[in-house]
PDB file of N, CA and C in Angstrom:
ATOM      1  N   MET A   1     139.081 -28.716 111.126  1.00  0.00           N
ATOM      2  CA  MET A   1     140.220 -27.769 111.328  1.00  0.00           C
ATOM      3  C   MET A   1     141.156 -27.536 110.876  1.00  0.00           C
ATOM      4  N   ALA A   2     141.857 -28.810 110.295  1.00  0.00           N
ATOM      5  CA  ALA A   2     143.015 -29.131 109.321  1.00  0.00           C
ATOM      6  C   ALA A   2     142.583 -28.808 108.061  1.00  0.00           C
ATOM      7  N   GLU A   3     141.427 -28.348 107.944  1.00  0.00           N
ATOM      8  CA  GLU A   3     140.727 -28.212 106.149  1.00  0.00           C
ATOM      9  C   GLU A   3     140.978 -26.836 105.852  1.00  0.00           C
ATOM     10  N   LYS A   4     140.737 -26.115 106.929  1.00  0.00           N
ATOM     11  CA  LYS A   4     140.161 -24.897 106.831  1.00  0.00           C
ATOM     12  C   LYS A   4     141.981 -23.895 106.239  1.00  0.00           C
ATOM     13  N   ILE A   5     141.665 -23.167 105.170  1.00  0.00           N
ATOM     14  CA  ILE A   5     142.949 -22.131 104.670  1.00  0.00           C
ATOM     15  C   ILE A   5     142.943 -21.060 104.884  1.00  0.00           C
ATOM     16  N   GLU A   6     144.148 -20.696 106.078  1.00  0.00           N
ATOM     17  CA  GLU A   6     144.225 -19.218 106.890  1.00  0.00           C
ATOM     18  C   GLU A   6     145.251 -18.670 105.703  1.00  0.00           C
ATOM     19  N   GLU A   7     144.920 -17.317 105.932  1.00  0.00           N
ATOM     20  CA  GLU A   7     145.952 -16.322 104.994  1.00  0.00           C
ATOM     21  C   GLU A   7     146.858 -15.575 106.246  1.00  0.00           C
ATOM     22  N   LEU A   8     148.042 -15.579 106.229  1.00  0.00           N
ATOM     23  CA  LEU A   8     148.976 -14.858 106.791  1.00  0.00           C
ATOM     24  C   LEU A   8     149.553 -13.650 106.260  1.00  0.00           C
ATOM     25  N   GLU A   9     149.422 -12.501 106.761  1.00  0.00           N
ATOM     26  CA  GLU A   9     149.734 -11.426 106.237  1.00  0.00           C
ATOM     27  C   GLU A   9     151.059 -11.004 106.532  1.00  0.00           C
ATOM     28  N   VAL A  10     152.267 -10.848 106.196  1.00  0.00           N
ATOM     29  CA  VAL A  10     153.541 -10.427 105.999  1.00  0.00           C
ATOM     30  C   VAL A  10     153.823  -9.016 105.817  1.00  0.00           C
ATOM     31  N   VAL A  11     154.402  -8.115 106.565  1.00  0.00           N
ATOM     32  CA  VAL A  11     154.454  -6.619 105.890  1.00  0.00           C
ATOM     33  C   VAL A  11     156.392  -7.007 106.242  1.00  0.00           C
ATOM     34  N   GLU A  12     156.816  -6.820 104.928  1.00  0.00           N
ATOM     35  CA  GLU A  12     158.219  -6.147 104.833  1.00  0.00           C
ATOM     36  C   GLU A  12     158.887  -4.749 105.612  1.00  0.00           C
ATOM     37  N   THR A  13     159.659  -4.823 106.909  1.00  0.00           N
ATOM     38  CA  THR A  13     159.762  -3.279 107.450  1.00  0.00           C
ATOM     39  C   THR A  13     161.210  -2.920 106.869  1.00  0.00           C
ATOM     40  N   SER A  14     162.199  -3.833 105.776  1.00  0.00           N
ATOM     41  CA  SER A  14     163.172  -3.253 105.731  1.00  0.00           C
ATOM     42  C   SER A  14     163.290  -2.618 104.091  1.00  0.00           C
ATOM     43  N   ALA A  15     161.889  -2.682 103.750  1.00  0.00           N
ATOM     44  CA  ALA A  15     161.898  -2.132 102.127  1.00  0.00           C
ATOM     45  C   ALA A  15     161.906  -0.481 102.761  1.00  0.00           C
ATOM     46  N   PRO A  16     162.572   0.399 101.339  1.00  0.00           N
ATOM     47  CA  PRO A  16     162.611   2.123 101.457  1.00  0.00           C
ATOM     48  C   PRO A  16     161.383   2.482 101.904  1.00  0.00           C
ATOM     49  N   ALA A  17     161.674   3.594 102.380  1.00  0.00           N
ATOM     50  CA  ALA A  17     160.424   4.439 102.647  1.00  0.00           C
ATOM     51  C   ALA A  17     159.854   4.876 101.483  1.00  0.00           C
ATOM     52  N   THR A  18     160.218   4.743 100.075  1.00  0.00           N
ATOM     53  CA  THR A  18     159.478   5.276  98.838  1.00  0.00           C
ATOM     54  C   THR A  18     159.144   4.476  98.424  1.00  0.00           C
ATOM     55  N   GLU A  19     159.127   2.856  98.678  1.00  0.00           N
ATOM     56  CA  GLU A  19     158.983   1.882  97.952  1.00  0.00           C
ATOM     57  C   GLU A  19     157.714   0.903  99.451  1.00  0.00           C
ATOM     58  N   GLU A  20     156.461   1.268  99.322  1.00  0.00           N
ATOM     59  CA  GLU A  20     155.650   0.486 100.369  1.00  0.00           C
ATOM     60  C   GLU A  20     155.112  -0.947  99.734  1.00  0.00           C
ATOM     61  N   LYS A  21     155.588  -1.870 100.196  1.00  0.00           N
ATOM     62  CA  LYS A  21     155.016  -3.249  99.666  1.00  0.00           C
ATOM     63  C   LYS A  21     154.607  -4.032 100.590  1.00  0.00           C
ATOM     64  N   GLU A  22     153.858  -4.762 100.047  1.00  0.00           N
ATOM     65  CA  GLU A  22     153.043  -5.659 101.349  1.00  0.00           C
ATOM     66  C   GLU A  22     153.151  -7.115 100.796  1.00  0.00           C
ATOM     67  N   ASP A  23     153.571  -8.019 101.354  1.00  0.00           N
ATOM     68  CA  ASP A  23     153.288  -9.501 100.507  1.00  0.00           C
ATOM     69  C   ASP A  23     152.268 -10.203 101.539  1.00  0.00           C
ATOM     70  N   LYS A  24     151.949 -11.121 100.787  1.00  0.00           N
ATOM     71  CA  LYS A  24     151.062 -11.894 101.565  1.00  0.00           C
ATOM     72  C   LYS A  24     151.562 -13.417 101.304  1.00  0.00           C
ATOM     73  N   VAL A  25     151.429 -14.223 101.798  1.00  0.00           N
ATOM     74  CA  VAL A  25     151.721 -15.398 102.649  1.00  0.00           C
ATOM     75  C   VAL A  25     151.005 -16.506 102.570  1.00  0.00           C
ATOM     76  N   VAL A  26     150.077 -17.846 101.812  1.00  0.00           N
ATOM     77  CA  VAL A  26     149.036 -18.484 101.852  1.00  0.00           C
ATOM     78  C   VAL A  26     149.601 -19.684 102.096  1.00  0.00           C
ATOM     79  N   VAL A  27     149.158 -19.817 103.299  1.00  0.00           N
ATOM     80  CA  VAL A  27     149.384 -21.543 103.922  1.00  0.00           C
ATOM     81  C   VAL A  27     148.179 -21.962 103.241  1.00  0.00           C
ATOM     82  N   ALA A  28     148.439 -23.018 102.504  1.00  0.00           N
ATOM     83  CA  ALA A  28     147.450 -23.622 101.891  1.00  0.00           C
ATOM     84  C   ALA A  28     147.016 -24.826 102.485  1.00  0.00           C
ATOM     85  N   ASP A  29     147.796 -25.986 102.985  1.00  0.00           N
ATOM     86  CA  ASP A  29     147.238 -26.559 103.920  1.00  0.00           C
ATOM     87  C   ASP A  29     148.206 -26.874 105.370  1.00  0.00           C
ATOM     88  N   LYS A  30     147.160 -27.203 106.329  1.00  0.00           N
ATOM     89  CA  LYS A  30     147.916 -27.438 107.478  1.00  0.00           C
ATOM     90  C   LYS A  30     148.452 -28.493 108.019  1.00  0.00           C
ATOM     91  N   LYS A  31     148.187 -29.651 107.196  1.00  0.00           N
ATOM     92  CA  LYS A  31     148.207 -31.029 107.480  1.00  0.00           C
ATOM     93  C   LYS A  31     149.331 -31.142 107.335  1.00  0.00           C
ATOM     94  N   LYS A  32     150.745 -30.409 106.519  1.00  0.00           N
ATOM     95  CA  LYS A  32     152.203 -30.960 106.587  1.00  0.00           C
ATOM     96  C   LYS A  32     152.594 -30.100 107.290  1.00  0.00           C
ATOM     97  N   PHE A  33     151.963 -29.413 108.288  1.00  0.00           N
ATOM     98  CA  PHE A  33     152.885 -28.375 109.225  1.00  0.00           C
ATOM     99  C   PHE A  33     152.463 -29.297 111.165  1.00  0.00           C
ATOM    100  N   TYR A  34     151.548 -30.275 110.926  1.00  0.00           N
ATOM    101  CA  TYR A  34     151.678 -31.348 111.632  1.00  0.00           C
ATOM    102  C   TYR A  34     151.433 -32.907 111.604  1.00  0.00           C
ATOM    103  N   LYS A  35     152.411 -33.457 112.531  1.00  0.00           N
ATOM    104  CA  LYS A  35     152.979 -34.842 112.387  1.00  0.00           C
ATOM    105  C   LYS A  35     151.332 -35.327 112.294  1.00  0.00           C
ATOM    106  N   GLN A  36     151.193 -36.388 111.618  1.00  0.00           N
ATOM    107  CA  GLN A  36     150.254 -37.527 111.399  1.00  0.00           C
ATOM    108  C   GLN A  36     150.370 -38.683 111.501  1.00  0.00           C
ATOM    109  N   HIS A  37     149.404 -39.094 112.934  1.00  0.00           N
ATOM    110  CA  HIS A  37     150.012 -40.742 113.268  1.00  0.00           C
ATOM    111  C   HIS A  37     149.483 -41.603 112.022  1.00  0.00           C
ATOM    112  N   LYS A  38     150.621 -42.463 111.941  1.00  0.00           N
ATOM    113  CA  LYS A  38     150.237 -43.522 111.384  1.00  0.00           C
ATOM    114  C   LYS A  38     148.847 -44.441 111.485  1.00  0.00           C
ATOM    115  N   SER A  39     148.992 -44.622 112.240  1.00  0.00           N
ATOM    116  CA  SER A  39     147.749 -45.796 113.270  1.00  0.00           C
ATOM    117  C   SER A  39     147.540 -45.385 114.799  1.00  0.00           C
ATOM    118  N   ASN A  40     145.839 -45.582 115.307  1.00  0.00           N
ATOM    119  CA  ASN A  40     145.929 -45.408 116.743  1.00  0.00           C
ATOM    120  C   ASN A  40     145.346 -46.123 116.955  1.00  0.00           C
ATOM    121  N   LYS A  41     146.167 -47.786 116.657  1.00  0.00           N
ATOM    122  CA  LYS A  41     145.566 -48.774 117.391  1.00  0.00           C
ATOM    123  C   LYS A  41     146.109 -49.166 118.430  1.00  0.00           C
ATOM    124  N   LYS A  42     145.403 -49.293 119.635  1.00  0.00           N
ATOM    125  CA  LYS A  42     146.371 -49.839 120.609  1.00  0.00           C
ATOM    126  C   LYS A  42     147.256 -51.057 121.018  1.00  0.00           C
ATOM    127  N   LYS A  43     148.266 -50.714 121.271  1.00  0.00           N
ATOM    128  CA  LYS A  43     149.273 -51.526 121.334  1.00  0.00           C
ATOM    129  C   LYS A  43     148.661 -52.844 122.127  1.00  0.00           C
ATOM    130  N   VAL A  44     148.895 -54.177 121.803  1.00  0.00           N
ATOM    131  CA  VAL A  44     148.434 -55.354 122.864  1.00  0.00           C
ATOM    132  C   VAL A  44     149.944 -56.301 123.559  1.00  0.00           C
ATOM    133  N   CYS A  45     149.843 -56.189 124.904  1.00  0.00           N
ATOM    134  CA  CYS A  45     150.847 -57.159 125.502  1.00  0.00           C
ATOM    135  C   CYS A  45     151.060 -58.442 124.779  1.00  0.00           C
ATOM    136  N   ILE A  46     152.163 -58.763 124.392  1.00  0.00           N
ATOM    137  CA  ILE A  46     152.545 -59.856 123.747  1.00  0.00           C
ATOM    138  C   ILE A  46     152.359 -61.142 124.485  1.00  0.00           C
ATOM    139  N   PHE A  47     152.845 -61.135 126.001  1.00  0.00           N
ATOM    140  CA  PHE A  47     152.764 -62.206 126.842  1.00  0.00           C
ATOM    141  C   PHE A  47     151.503 -62.408 127.446  1.00  0.00           C
ATOM    142  N   CYS A  48     150.275 -61.421 127.215  1.00  0.00           N
ATOM    143  CA  CYS A  48     148.995 -61.702 127.313  1.00  0.00           C
ATOM    144  C   CYS A  48     148.329 -62.605 126.447  1.00  0.00           C
ATOM    145  N   GLU A  49     148.836 -62.303 125.263  1.00  0.00           N
ATOM    146  CA  GLU A  49     148.372 -62.926 124.219  1.00  0.00           C
ATOM    147  C   GLU A  49     148.810 -64.442 124.364  1.00  0.00           C
ATOM    148  N   ASP A  50     149.902 -64.890 124.576  1.00  0.00           N
ATOM    149  CA  ASP A  50     150.523 -65.933 124.826  1.00  0.00           C
ATOM    150  C   ASP A  50     149.746 -66.650 126.133  1.00  0.00           C
ATOM    151  N   LYS A  51     148.749 -67.460 126.021  1.00  0.00           N
ATOM    152  CA  LYS A  51     148.044 -68.199 126.959  1.00  0.00           C
ATOM    153  C   LYS A  51     149.145 -69.178 127.672  1.00  0.00           C
ATOM    154  N   ASN A  52     150.035 -69.640 126.904  1.00  0.00           N
ATOM    155  CA  ASN A  52     151.043 -70.804 127.610  1.00  0.00           C
ATOM    156  C   ASN A  52     151.735 -70.502 128.663  1.00  0.00           C
ATOM    157  N   CYS A  53     152.042 -68.870 128.244  1.00  0.00           N
ATOM    158  CA  CYS A  53     153.373 -68.196 129.337  1.00  0.00           C
ATOM    159  C   CYS A  53     152.865 -68.225 130.256  1.00  0.00           C
ATOM    160  N   LYS A  54     153.337 -68.769 131.439  1.00  0.00           N
ATOM    161  CA  LYS A  54     152.743 -68.420 132.835  1.00  0.00           C
ATOM    162  C   LYS A  54     153.281 -67.189 133.837  1.00  0.00           C
ATOM    163  N   PHE A  55     154.787 -67.349 133.340  1.00  0.00           N
ATOM    164  CA  PHE A  55     155.913 -66.717 133.896  1.00  0.00           C
ATOM    165  C   PHE A  55     156.831 -66.071 132.848  1.00  0.00           C
ATOM    166  N   ILE A  56     157.601 -64.960 133.060  1.00  0.00           N
ATOM    167  CA  ILE A  56     158.318 -64.629 131.890  1.00  0.00           C
ATOM    168  C   ILE A  56     159.916 -65.211 132.657  1.00  0.00           C
ATOM    169  N   ASP A  57     160.690 -66.024 131.989  1.00  0.00           N
ATOM    170  CA  ASP A  57     161.989 -66.565 132.087  1.00  0.00           C
ATOM    171  C   ASP A  57     162.710 -66.055 131.657  1.00  0.00           C
ATOM    172  N   TYR A  58     163.914 -65.935 132.711  1.00  0.00           N
ATOM    173  CA  TYR A  58     164.808 -64.985 132.365  1.00  0.00           C
ATOM    174  C   TYR A  58     166.065 -65.699 131.231  1.00  0.00           C
ATOM    175  N   LYS A  59     165.958 -66.997 130.851  1.00  0.00           N
ATOM    176  CA  LYS A  59     166.453 -67.841 129.568  1.00  0.00           C
ATOM    177  C   LYS A  59     165.811 -67.655 128.322  1.00  0.00           C
ATOM    178  N   ASP A  60     164.529 -66.621 128.189  1.00  0.00           N
ATOM    179  CA  ASP A  60     163.890 -66.586 127.404  1.00  0.00           C
ATOM    180  C   ASP A  60     164.759 -66.097 125.908  1.00  0.00           C
ATOM    181  N   PRO A  61     164.475 -66.536 124.781  1.00  0.00           N
ATOM    182  CA  PRO A  61     165.011 -65.660 124.139  1.00  0.00           C
ATOM    183  C   PRO A  61     164.659 -63.904 123.730  1.00  0.00           C
ATOM    184  N   ARG A  62     163.577 -64.098 123.858  1.00  0.00           N
ATOM    185  CA  ARG A  62     162.731 -62.678 123.152  1.00  0.00           C
ATOM    186  C   ARG A  62     162.997 -61.909 123.854  1.00  0.00           C
ATOM    187  N   LEU A  63     163.696 -61.668 125.484  1.00  0.00           N
ATOM    188  CA  LEU A  63     164.115 -61.147 126.240  1.00  0.00           C
ATOM    189  C   LEU A  63     165.149 -59.575 125.202  1.00  0.00           C
ATOM    190  N   LYS A  64     166.061 -60.119 124.036  1.00  0.00           N
ATOM    191  CA  LYS A  64     166.559 -59.471 123.626  1.00  0.00           C
ATOM    192  C   LYS A  64     165.946 -58.145 122.852  1.00  0.00           C
ATOM    193  N   LYS A  65     164.761 -58.545 122.467  1.00  0.00           N
ATOM    194  CA  LYS A  65     163.738 -57.436 121.879  1.00  0.00           C
ATOM    195  C   LYS A  65     163.465 -56.139 122.816  1.00  0.00           C
ATOM    196  N   PHE A  66     163.637 -56.631 124.004  1.00  0.00           N
ATOM    197  CA  PHE A  66     163.053 -55.282 125.120  1.00  0.00           C
ATOM    198  C   PHE A  66     164.311 -54.723 125.868  1.00  0.00           C
ATOM    199  N   VAL A  67     165.433 -55.213 124.930  1.00  0.00           N
ATOM    200  CA  VAL A  67     166.612 -54.149 125.244  1.00  0.00           C
ATOM    201  C   VAL A  67     167.318 -53.448 124.290  1.00  0.00           C
ATOM    202  N   THR A  68     167.377 -52.412 124.405  1.00  0.00           N
ATOM    203  CA  THR A  68     167.968 -51.299 123.300  1.00  0.00           C
ATOM    204  C   THR A  68     169.956 -51.953 122.994  1.00  0.00           C
ATOM    205  N   GLU A  69     170.287 -51.128 122.101  1.00  0.00           N
ATOM    206  CA  GLU A  69     171.279 -51.428 121.787  1.00  0.00           C
ATOM    207  C   GLU A  69     172.430 -50.650 122.886  1.00  0.00           C
ATOM    208  N   GLY A  70     172.358 -50.049 123.779  1.00  0.00           N
ATOM    209  CA  GLY A  70     172.655 -49.675 124.645  1.00  0.00           C
ATOM    210  C   GLY A  70     172.581 -50.093 126.049  1.00  0.00           C
ATOM    211  N   GLY A  71     171.804 -51.011 126.120  1.00  0.00           N
ATOM    212  CA  GLY A  71     171.600 -52.085 126.954  1.00  0.00           C
ATOM    213  C   GLY A  71     170.422 -51.411 127.862  1.00  0.00           C
ATOM    214  N   LYS A  72     169.391 -50.368 127.660  1.00  0.00           N
ATOM    215  CA  LYS A  72     168.526 -49.821 128.561  1.00  0.00           C
ATOM    216  C   LYS A  72     167.115 -50.953 128.147  1.00  0.00           C
ATOM    217  N   ILE A  73     166.352 -50.869 129.408  1.00  0.00           N
ATOM    218  CA  ILE A  73     165.043 -51.585 128.889  1.00  0.00           C
ATOM    219  C   ILE A  73     164.120 -50.487 128.435  1.00  0.00           C
ATOM    220  N   ILE A  74     163.527 -51.051 127.256  1.00  0.00           N
ATOM    221  CA  ILE A  74     162.507 -50.458 126.630  1.00  0.00           C
ATOM    222  C   ILE A  74     161.246 -50.045 127.300  1.00  0.00           C
ATOM    223  N   PRO A  75     160.732 -48.845 127.309  1.00  0.00           N
ATOM    224  CA  PRO A  75     159.505 -48.808 128.646  1.00  0.00           C
ATOM    225  C   PRO A  75     158.398 -49.175 127.995  1.00  0.00           C
ATOM    226  N   SER A  76     157.195 -49.650 128.626  1.00  0.00           N
ATOM    227  CA  SER A  76     156.226 -50.520 127.995  1.00  0.00           C
ATOM    228  C   SER A  76     155.388 -49.562 127.153  1.00  0.00           C
ATOM    229  N   ARG A  77     155.468 -48.296 127.121  1.00  0.00           N
ATOM    230  CA  ARG A  77     154.532 -47.413 126.254  1.00  0.00           C
ATOM    231  C   ARG A  77     154.801 -47.829 124.805  1.00  0.00           C
ATOM    232  N   GLN A  78     156.091 -48.046 124.763  1.00  0.00           N
ATOM    233  CA  GLN A  78     156.782 -48.606 122.932  1.00  0.00           C
ATOM    234  C   GLN A  78     156.510 -49.801 122.771  1.00  0.00           C
ATOM    235  N   THR A  79     156.544 -50.466 124.128  1.00  0.00           N
ATOM    236  CA  THR A  79     156.417 -52.071 123.405  1.00  0.00           C
ATOM    237  C   THR A  79     154.967 -52.871 123.703  1.00  0.00           C
ATOM    238  N   GLY A  80     154.152 -52.122 124.449  1.00  0.00           N
ATOM    239  CA  GLY A  80     153.116 -52.172 124.619  1.00  0.00           C
ATOM    240  C   GLY A  80     152.574 -53.794 125.721  1.00  0.00           C
ATOM    241  N   THR A  81     153.396 -53.595 126.592  1.00  0.00           N
ATOM    242  CA  THR A  81     153.578 -54.841 127.490  1.00  0.00           C
ATOM    243  C   THR A  81     152.689 -54.021 128.546  1.00  0.00           C
ATOM    244  N   CYS A  82     151.811 -54.621 129.058  1.00  0.00           N
ATOM    245  CA  CYS A  82     151.034 -54.472 130.331  1.00  0.00           C
ATOM    246  C   CYS A  82     151.618 -54.382 131.739  1.00  0.00           C
ATOM    247  N   SER A  83     151.409 -53.944 132.487  1.00  0.00           N
ATOM    248  CA  SER A  83     152.423 -53.169 133.313  1.00  0.00           C
ATOM    249  C   SER A  83     152.635 -54.292 134.696  1.00  0.00           C
ATOM    250  N   HIS A  84     152.225 -55.380 134.873  1.00  0.00           N
ATOM    251  CA  HIS A  84     152.469 -56.714 135.082  1.00  0.00           C
ATOM    252  C   HIS A  84     153.342 -57.206 134.684  1.00  0.00           C
ATOM    253  N   HIS A  85     153.276 -57.254 133.608  1.00  0.00           N
ATOM    254  CA  HIS A  85     154.416 -58.141 132.509  1.00  0.00           C
ATOM    255  C   HIS A  85     155.337 -57.570 132.206  1.00  0.00           C
ATOM    256  N   GLN A  86     155.442 -56.017 132.490  1.00  0.00           N
ATOM    257  CA  GLN A  86     156.791 -55.177 132.309  1.00  0.00           C
ATOM    258  C   GLN A  86     157.708 -55.205 133.594  1.00  0.00           C
ATOM    259  N   ARG A  87     156.463 -55.464 134.972  1.00  0.00           N
ATOM    260  CA  ARG A  87     157.734 -56.007 135.815  1.00  0.00           C
ATOM    261  C   ARG A  87     158.194 -57.383 135.965  1.00  0.00           C
ATOM    262  N   GLU A  88     157.247 -58.004 135.950  1.00  0.00           N
ATOM    263  CA  GLU A  88     158.253 -59.455 135.333  1.00  0.00           C
ATOM    264  C   GLU A  88     159.434 -59.323 134.651  1.00  0.00           C
ATOM    265  N   LEU A  89     159.127 -58.335 133.466  1.00  0.00           N
ATOM    266  CA  LEU A  89     160.152 -58.246 132.436  1.00  0.00           C
ATOM    267  C   LEU A  89     161.362 -57.511 132.538  1.00  0.00           C
ATOM    268  N   THR A  90     161.049 -56.672 133.752  1.00  0.00           N
ATOM    269  CA  THR A  90     162.476 -56.251 134.026  1.00  0.00           C
ATOM    270  C   THR A  90     163.679 -57.113 135.067  1.00  0.00           C
ATOM    271  N   VAL A  91     162.569 -58.043 135.869  1.00  0.00           N
ATOM    272  CA  VAL A  91     163.299 -58.908 136.782  1.00  0.00           C
ATOM    273  C   VAL A  91     163.836 -59.753 135.840  1.00  0.00           C
ATOM    274  N   ALA A  92     163.228 -59.926 134.922  1.00  0.00           N
ATOM    275  CA  ALA A  92     163.758 -61.655 134.214  1.00  0.00           C
ATOM    276  C   ALA A  92     165.308 -60.688 133.477  1.00  0.00           C
ATOM    277  N   ILE A  93     165.156 -59.338 132.809  1.00  0.00           N
ATOM    278  CA  ILE A  93     166.139 -59.080 132.239  1.00  0.00           C
ATOM    279  C   ILE A  93     167.495 -58.923 133.193  1.00  0.00           C
ATOM    280  N   LYS A  94     166.795 -58.238 134.379  1.00  0.00           N
ATOM    281  CA  LYS A  94     168.446 -57.890 135.273  1.00  0.00           C
ATOM    282  C   LYS A  94     168.854 -58.734 135.811  1.00  0.00           C
ATOM    283  N   ARG A  95     168.289 -60.599 136.083  1.00  0.00           N
ATOM    284  CA  ARG A  95     168.774 -61.571 136.282  1.00  0.00           C
ATOM    285  C   ARG A  95     169.590 -62.091 135.092  1.00  0.00           C
ATOM    286  N   ALA A  96     169.105 -61.934 134.138  1.00  0.00           N
ATOM    287  CA  ALA A  96     169.964 -62.296 132.689  1.00  0.00           C
ATOM    288  C   ALA A  96     170.953 -61.484 132.447  1.00  0.00           C
ATOM    289  N   ARG A  97     171.004 -60.385 133.051  1.00  0.00           N
ATOM    290  CA  ARG A  97     171.998 -59.684 133.086  1.00  0.00           C
ATOM    291  C   ARG A  97     173.141 -60.447 134.037  1.00  0.00           C
ATOM    292  N   ASN A  98     172.864 -60.316 135.435  1.00  0.00           N
ATOM    293  CA  ASN A  98     173.875 -60.902 136.555  1.00  0.00           C
ATOM    294  C   ASN A  98     174.057 -62.390 135.834  1.00  0.00           C
ATOM    295  N   ILE A  99     173.717 -62.904 134.823  1.00  0.00           N
ATOM    296  CA  ILE A  99     174.074 -64.628 134.931  1.00  0.00           C
ATOM    297  C   ILE A  99     174.653 -64.376 133.113  1.00  0.00           C
ATOM    298  N   ALA A 100     174.826 -63.458 132.354  1.00  0.00           N
ATOM    299  CA  ALA A 100     175.728 -62.687 131.569  1.00  0.00           C
ATOM    300  C   ALA A 100     174.823 -62.960 130.564  1.00  0.00           C
ATOM    301  N   LEU A 101     173.910 -63.718 130.500  1.00  0.00           N
ATOM    302  CA  LEU A 101     173.177 -64.072 129.078  1.00  0.00           C
ATOM    303  C   LEU A 101     172.703 -62.848 128.721  1.00  0.00           C
ATOM    304  N   LEU A 102     172.319 -61.827 129.228  1.00  0.00           N
ATOM    305  CA  LEU A 102     172.544 -59.879 128.412  1.00  0.00           C
ATOM    306  C   LEU A 102     173.231 -58.819 128.429  1.00  0.00           C
ATOM    307  N   PRO A 103     174.049 -58.499 127.939  1.00  0.00           N
ATOM    308  CA  PRO A 103     175.118 -57.120 128.219  1.00  0.00           C
ATOM    309  C   PRO A 103     174.603 -56.124 129.131  1.00  0.00           C
ATOM    310  N   PHE A 104     175.073 -55.869 130.346  1.00  0.00           N
ATOM    311  CA  PHE A 104     174.687 -54.287 130.757  1.00  0.00           C
ATOM    312  C   PHE A 104     174.674 -53.105 130.057  1.00  0.00           C
ATOM    313  N   SER A 105     175.991 -53.250 129.148  1.00  0.00           N
ATOM    314  CA  SER A 105     175.833 -51.677 128.156  1.00  0.00           C
ATOM    315  C   SER A 105     175.813 -52.783 126.837  1.00  0.00           C
ATOM    316  N   GLY A 106     175.920 -51.511 125.640  1.00  0.00           N
ATOM    317  CA  GLY A 106     176.032 -51.805 124.313  1.00  0.00           C
ATOM    318  C   GLY A 106     177.834 -52.021 123.943  1.00  0.00           C
ATOM    319  N   ASP A 107     178.102 -51.893 124.725  1.00  0.00           N
ATOM    320  CA  ASP A 107     179.684 -51.503 123.890  1.00  0.00           C
ATOM    321  C   ASP A 107     179.715 -52.770 122.798  1.00  0.00           C
TER     322      ASP A 107
END
């Protein structure tokens, strides 16, 4: 579908009545109009890979990686964590915020 070449016809309506011109615009490659995905690999949960990790600790220094500069928790669709570990992660981040190990905002 992306390899087909389509021709688009554009007619200029602003031209004077004495001169009638038709210009054709050819779109050579549709690929440049659509964003291409770099990889279609499925993201893997970091905590599922680590067999030694039984639960997510609020003192873990890896928690900073799951918080944006503004202080928001990054969703699992971006980090690749599974739903079970994402729930544990949010609880651990909230506990770390209350003890002042992580900031509430990114000021």
